[in-house]
Amino acid sequence: MERYKILKELGDGTCGSVYKAWDKRTGEIVAVKKMKRKFYFWEEHTKLRELKALCKLNHPNIIKLKDVVRENNELFFIFEYMDYNLYQIMRDRQRPFSEEEIRNFMSQVLHGLNHMHRNGYFHRDLKPVNNSRPSFLEENLLVTNDILKIADFGLAREVSSTGPYTEYVSTRWYRAPEVLLQSSSYTPAVDMWAAGAILAELFTLSPIFPGKSEIDQLCKICHILGMPDLTIFPEGTNTSRLLGIFSYEEISAANLSDIIPNASSEAIDLILVGWVPYPLRDPLELKLSNIGAKPNLELNLWDFGPDPEDCFLGLTLAVKPSASNLGLGMAFPVPDPVSLQHLGLVGDIG
């Protein structure tokens, strides 16, 4: 590690500490993540999911891993340095973001998710802020000069992997209902739920579902999105948590435009993209057909790259083509994909 001069500590977490450092060879400022666990053999670190994901994901909106150093049985990840996390930018705002600014941030989030999911990974912990202690180490939406990058792949899993998955994933405020209901077979749709919650927060500058516990979290979700159909959830989901909420009152969906009055109707539709109904049919079937009078649930984003076939971000976002009966959470209205074009995030819809 003689190549890097440590300048200051940026954060300390359960798995490691992150430092701001100077690369003596290139003159660049970098972020150094020092793992707390000891690695006595070089082969040990190659099995880390975080490292596997970072080595495979190369995209302008995903944090770049520049180097890996093992020295004296200690492991260091060398990342490009980012000035802020998204929470810091929201916290320091004196006025709400314009829709153009929000469009810029969310377009980058969706570009990064598209690349991640299509290359076989889902994040599981997407959030702008850690509830208790924001730091470079624990935040995973990092920003420099309005360029946003997704970071912190410590909880990432392969799309092709099979459950049971860890029950506790993602900071509570951005946790999808299927995770709150203790499902062990959730899908990459949990990232889309978090993206919808983040988009809403960019408009309001405060979390849309700030639950104080998992039950309170479910209660806040239901008071905004209404009471779900309990029959939609996959086997093994703990729906008794919802029964406790509904035994006291009948819950109807709120008007999201009243809660986020500064959001356009197109933005409201985009927020709801992350909160799609369950179950979806085979993703390939969705791509080839329309479902009655409902819109095609796969949205083609032609502006993602030169090849239209490689440029889609569907609501089934890179779920295995053979997967069916996906547990995507609550049953809510499907937004009209045509309206998403007006927000500037969606090109022609095929």
Foldseek 3Di string as FASTA:
>chain_A
DVQKAFDAWFDADDFWTKTWIARNVPRAIKIKTKGPDFAPDPVVVVPQPQVVLQVQQDDQQAWHFDDWDADPRIIMTITHDFDFFPLVVLVPDPDADALVLLLLLLLSVLLRLLRSLQSFKAQQAADRAAPPDDTPQPHAWGHDPSRTHGYDRNQMDGLPDADQHDLDTYRLLLAAPQSLQVRRGAGSLSSLSSSLQVSLCSQVSDGQQPAPDSLSSVLSVCQAQNDFDPVQADPPGNCVSVVVNPVVHHHDHDDVCVVRVSDDPLSVLSSCLSVAADDDAQLVVLLVDQDPPAGRQKAFACVSDPDSVSGTQGSCRNNPSVDGRHRSHGHGDHRDVVSNVVSVSGDDGD
